[in-house]
Amino acid sequence: METIRLLLVDDQRLFRRGLRALLEAQEGFHVVSEAENGQEAIDKARAFRPDVILMDVHMPILGGAEATQVIKQEMPNAKVIALTVSDEDDDLFSTIKAGADGYLLKDLGPDELEACIRKVMGGETPLSPGISAKLLREFRDRSFAEKKRTSEADLTSREIEILQLIAEGHSNSDIAAKLYIVEGTVKNHVHNILEKLHLQNRVQAAAYAIRGGLASVNGSEADESGSTARA
């Protein structure tokens, strides 16, 4: 099993130390460093190049969303998971928009956290229960006027079909089975969809589909009890 290198970012030292002890007791995890604010997180990410960053949202000097945006721009392969007590809409929206690969509340259990870290390394988007539908509604209702969006007309019919299935919560393997194509082809289509629509992840793609009327919010909410938007 390949070791996953972690950076822990939280302004509460006691929480960081407890989290470090918890994670390093698990096979395959190694905490390379800790940071107590967003600016320090950026510096540590540059220095240690972690695989996964567990990022608090509200911190002094620089917040989690701002730090995430810088880190994802400079190190797009680094996975950033927000680990926070906040389920406020503004925090959800700004953090995912900044490029976070997951959003978890601190009330989750140790086994759940371990599973979510492994899932994000596999390309999935871990979300705490109830966050998915809330996040999709937020993206649906907010305007992305500050970013140029490519219209659905620029997507192929196959890409639109796959975008609809993403919004319904299907994984790449599910989509491949439904459309009778190989999973690698689905991954290529997903990559093209994100590129054309200037989106960063599947959560944003699903929200785009709902906001554009390509899929229903009710269909997405059917998975509200689940904790992962599959990749």
Foldseek 3Di string as FASTA:
>chain_A
DAAFEEEEEALDPVVVVVVQVLQVVDPRYDYPYYYNALVVVLVVCVVPVGQEYAAEADGPPHGRLVSLLVCCVVPVRRAYEYEYQDLDQVSLQSNVQSPHQEYHYNVDDSVVVVVQVVQVNVVWYFYAFQSLLSNLVSLLPDDPVVDDFADCVPQDPVLLVLLQVLLLQDALVRVCVVVVHDSVVSVVSVVVQCVRGVHRGSSNSSSVCCSVVSYDSVSNCVCRRPGIRHD
